[in-house]
């Protein structure tokens, strides 16, 4: 993402060279229903029609992005296993000067024309780190991070080479196929009863009635 608030023609020229898939042009504003809104065409033809492959400028609600960031920075420290969700993870190279830029603004209330209005006010000389954090947050929303599930995060971590499976529920293993039933045992043949000849009339020879 790149901010178009300063030297917009140069920003647009650079974005055209990079292409829409690699460059997201951001314009900060103090209103909106989401951190990033509907883009506006920066490139139009002589008929006033939007150029399909031209630069688009995405509006960013700076107030919303700053409020979310400062709320995350203000969370109490907790070393529990689940305490890392929703918190800001600072890199090891973050020096004191960079941290001062990240927190170079504060939200104050002022009375303007008889109405009390909240606004962000600079309390430090430089706030580039804060601007970069807000732009990164807007681009993350643009690519759909707000709708990521645990499995989306796992796939993303695998692409970065940092696989962590602690917070992802393991898939339920498929039940093993039941063991085949043993073949039916053959029943032993019942012993055959020996038929004894009927000797009531004596031994029956041939021509016994003759």
Protein backbone atom coordinates (compact mmCIF):
# COMPACT_ATOMS: atom_id res chain seq x y z
CA UNK A 1 0.00 0.00 0.00
CA UNK A 2 1.08 3.57 -0.68
CA UNK A 3 -0.30 6.89 0.53
CA UNK A 4 -1.47 9.30 -2.15
CA UNK A 5 -1.92 12.22 0.22
CA UNK A 6 1.34 13.77 -0.96
CA UNK A 7 2.53 14.09 -4.56
CA UNK A 8 -0.41 12.16 -5.96
CA UNK A 9 0.75 12.28 -9.63
CA UNK A 10 4.02 10.61 -8.69
CA UNK A 11 2.17 8.00 -6.68
CA UNK A 12 -0.16 7.25 -9.57
CA UNK A 13 2.75 6.96 -11.99
CA UNK A 14 4.51 4.49 -9.71
CA UNK A 15 1.29 2.50 -9.16
CA UNK A 16 0.76 2.15 -12.93
CA UNK A 17 4.22 0.64 -13.26
CA UNK A 18 3.56 -1.85 -10.45
CA UNK A 19 0.08 -2.87 -11.53
CA UNK A 20 -3.12 -3.12 -9.50
CA UNK A 21 -2.20 -6.58 -8.19
CA UNK A 22 0.92 -5.24 -6.45
CA UNK A 23 0.09 -1.65 -5.53
CA UNK A 24 -2.89 -0.43 -3.49
CA UNK A 25 -3.19 3.36 -3.55
CA UNK A 26 -4.60 4.71 -0.28
CA UNK A 27 -6.17 8.09 0.51
CA UNK A 28 -6.83 8.84 4.17
CA UNK A 29 -10.03 10.50 5.34
CA UNK A 30 -11.77 11.02 8.67
CA UNK A 31 -15.04 9.23 7.91
CA UNK A 32 -16.40 6.01 6.49
CA UNK A 33 -18.27 2.91 7.57
CA UNK A 34 -15.19 0.66 7.38
CA UNK A 35 -11.43 0.96 7.51
CA UNK A 36 -11.28 0.74 3.72
CA UNK A 37 -14.07 1.80 1.39
CA UNK A 38 -15.08 1.71 -2.26
CA UNK A 39 -12.31 2.85 -4.63
CA UNK A 40 -12.52 5.80 -7.01
CA UNK A 41 -10.99 5.87 -10.46
CA UNK A 42 -7.91 8.06 -10.82
CA UNK A 43 -7.45 7.31 -14.53
CA UNK A 44 -10.20 8.29 -16.97
CA UNK A 45 -10.25 8.58 -20.73
CA UNK A 46 -11.19 11.67 -22.75
CA UNK A 47 -14.85 10.74 -22.46
CA UNK A 48 -14.67 10.69 -18.69
CA UNK A 49 -14.95 6.91 -18.53
CA UNK A 50 -12.90 4.90 -16.08
CA UNK A 51 -9.91 3.12 -17.56
CA UNK A 52 -10.31 -0.55 -16.66
CA UNK A 53 -6.60 -1.13 -16.02
CA UNK A 54 -6.07 2.33 -14.54
CA UNK A 55 -5.21 3.41 -11.03
CA UNK A 56 -7.87 3.22 -8.34
CA UNK A 57 -7.68 5.13 -5.09
CA UNK A 58 -9.01 3.35 -2.01
CA UNK A 59 -10.36 5.58 0.79
CA UNK A 60 -9.13 4.72 4.28
CA UNK A 61 -10.96 5.72 7.45
CA UNK A 62 -7.93 6.97 9.38
CA UNK A 63 -9.95 7.61 12.56
CA UNK A 64 -11.15 4.02 12.72
CA UNK A 65 -7.69 2.59 12.00
CA UNK A 66 -6.07 4.72 14.73
CA UNK A 67 -8.74 3.90 17.29
CA UNK A 68 -8.28 0.17 16.69
CA UNK A 69 -4.49 0.41 16.88
CA UNK A 70 -4.43 2.47 20.08
CA UNK A 71 -6.94 0.14 21.72
CA UNK A 72 -4.66 -2.80 20.93
CA UNK A 73 -1.60 -0.95 22.19
CA UNK A 74 -3.43 -0.14 25.44
CA UNK A 75 -4.20 -3.74 26.36
CA UNK A 76 -2.79 -4.90 29.68
CA UNK A 77 0.13 -7.27 29.55
CA UNK A 78 -0.81 -10.87 30.14
CA UNK A 79 1.52 -13.79 29.58
CA UNK A 80 -1.28 -16.33 29.35
CA UNK A 81 -1.42 -18.75 26.45
CA UNK A 82 -4.36 -16.96 24.84
CA UNK A 83 -3.13 -13.41 25.47
CA UNK A 84 -1.51 -12.89 22.07
CA UNK A 85 -4.77 -12.63 20.13
CA UNK A 86 -5.73 -9.07 19.23
CA UNK A 87 -2.49 -7.55 20.45
CA UNK A 88 0.27 -5.70 18.60
CA UNK A 89 3.44 -7.73 18.14
CA UNK A 90 6.36 -5.34 17.80
CA UNK A 91 9.46 -6.41 15.85
CA UNK A 92 12.83 -6.72 17.55
CA UNK A 93 14.23 -3.83 15.48
CA UNK A 94 11.63 -1.34 16.78
CA UNK A 95 13.72 1.46 18.29
CA UNK A 96 12.52 4.17 20.65
CA UNK A 97 12.27 6.72 17.85
CA UNK A 98 10.05 4.43 15.79
CA UNK A 99 7.80 3.80 18.81
CA UNK A 100 7.47 7.54 19.35
CA UNK A 101 6.32 7.92 15.75
CA UNK A 102 3.82 5.09 16.24
CA UNK A 103 2.26 6.94 19.19
CA UNK A 104 2.75 10.49 17.90
CA UNK A 105 -0.98 11.36 18.00
CA UNK A 106 -3.69 11.46 20.63
CA UNK A 107 -7.46 11.73 20.49
CA UNK A 108 -8.76 15.00 21.95
CA UNK A 109 -12.06 16.88 22.07
CA UNK A 110 -12.34 20.48 20.93
CA UNK A 111 -15.21 22.89 20.63
CA UNK A 112 -15.65 24.13 17.07
CA UNK A 113 -18.43 26.60 16.27
CA UNK A 114 -20.20 25.71 19.46
CA UNK A 115 -20.01 21.95 18.93
CA UNK A 116 -17.75 19.52 20.76
CA UNK A 117 -15.87 17.39 18.28
CA UNK A 118 -13.33 14.61 18.72
CA UNK A 119 -10.20 14.63 16.56
CA UNK A 120 -6.67 13.29 16.39
CA UNK A 121 -3.90 15.73 17.22
CA UNK A 122 -0.16 15.35 16.78
CA UNK A 123 1.88 15.39 19.97
CA UNK A 124 5.16 14.42 18.33
CA UNK A 125 7.14 15.91 15.47
CA UNK A 126 6.91 12.84 13.21
CA UNK A 127 4.17 10.25 12.69
CA UNK A 128 5.36 8.26 9.67
CA UNK A 129 5.33 4.98 11.61
CA UNK A 130 1.69 5.56 12.54
CA UNK A 131 0.77 6.31 8.93
CA UNK A 132 2.51 3.16 7.75
CA UNK A 133 0.70 1.07 10.38
CA UNK A 134 -2.66 2.49 9.29
CA UNK A 135 -1.95 1.86 5.61
CA UNK A 136 -0.85 -1.71 6.35
CA UNK A 137 -4.07 -2.24 8.29
CA UNK A 138 -6.16 -0.93 5.40
CA UNK A 139 -4.40 -3.18 2.90
CA UNK A 140 -4.90 -6.15 5.23
CA UNK A 141 -8.62 -5.40 5.25
CA UNK A 142 -8.51 -5.05 1.46
CA UNK A 143 -7.15 -8.58 0.99
CA UNK A 144 -9.74 -10.04 3.39
CA UNK A 145 -7.81 -10.54 6.63
CA UNK A 146 -10.87 -9.50 8.67
CA UNK A 147 -12.66 -12.59 7.35
CA UNK A 148 -9.81 -15.04 7.99
CA UNK A 149 -10.56 -18.19 9.94
CA UNK A 150 -8.02 -20.18 11.97
CA UNK A 151 -7.39 -22.40 8.96
CA UNK A 152 -6.77 -19.35 6.73
CA UNK A 153 -4.16 -18.14 9.22
CA UNK A 154 -2.54 -21.57 9.30
CA UNK A 155 -2.27 -21.64 5.51
CA UNK A 156 -0.82 -18.12 5.56
CA UNK A 157 1.77 -19.11 8.18
CA UNK A 158 2.73 -22.15 6.11
CA UNK A 159 3.41 -19.89 3.14
CA UNK A 160 5.70 -17.80 5.34
CA UNK A 161 7.46 -20.90 6.63
CA UNK A 162 6.29 -20.44 10.22
CA UNK A 163 3.85 -23.21 11.07
CA UNK A 164 2.12 -22.93 14.40
CA UNK A 165 -0.62 -25.36 15.32
CA UNK A 166 -1.32 -24.38 18.92
CA UNK A 167 -4.54 -22.42 18.33
CA UNK A 168 -5.98 -24.48 15.48
CA UNK A 169 -8.27 -27.33 16.32
CA UNK A 170 -7.03 -30.56 14.81
CA UNK A 171 -9.39 -32.18 12.35
CA UNK A 172 -11.45 -35.00 13.76
CA UNK A 173 -9.82 -38.26 12.67
CA UNK A 174 -11.91 -40.57 10.59
CA UNK A 175 -13.09 -43.61 12.40
CA UNK A 176 -11.05 -46.67 11.52
CA UNK A 177 -12.69 -49.25 9.37
CA UNK A 178 -14.08 -52.06 11.52
CA UNK A 179 -12.05 -55.25 11.55
CA UNK A 180 -13.45 -57.90 9.27
CA UNK A 181 -15.62 -60.38 11.02
CA UNK A 182 -13.98 -63.76 11.58
CA UNK A 183 -15.19 -66.49 9.24
CA UNK A 184 -18.00 -68.52 10.71
CA UNK A 185 -16.78 -71.59 12.44
CA UNK A 186 -17.82 -74.81 10.87
CA UNK A 187 -20.01 -76.82 13.12
CA UNK A 188 -18.87 -80.32 13.79
CA UNK A 189 -20.96 -82.85 11.97
CA UNK A 190 -23.27 -84.71 14.26
CA UNK A 191 -22.34 -88.36 14.59
CA UNK A 192 -24.49 -90.56 12.42
CA UNK A 193 -26.58 -93.03 14.29
CA UNK A 194 -26.06 -96.59 13.21
CA UNK A 195 -29.30 -98.12 12.10
CA UNK A 196 -29.69 -101.49 13.56
CA UNK A 197 -31.63 -104.01 11.54
CA UNK A 198 -35.02 -104.88 12.85
CA UNK A 199 -34.67 -108.49 14.05
CA UNK A 200 -38.20 -108.82 15.34
CA UNK A 201 -38.93 -111.49 12.76
CA UNK A 202 -35.49 -112.79 12.74
CA UNK A 203 -32.86 -112.41 10.10
CA UNK A 204 -34.40 -111.53 6.81
CA UNK A 205 -32.86 -113.46 4.11
CA UNK A 206 -33.76 -113.61 0.54
CA UNK A 207 -37.09 -115.23 -0.22
CA UNK A 208 -37.99 -115.04 3.44
CA UNK A 209 -41.76 -115.41 2.81
CA UNK A 210 -41.35 -118.36 0.57
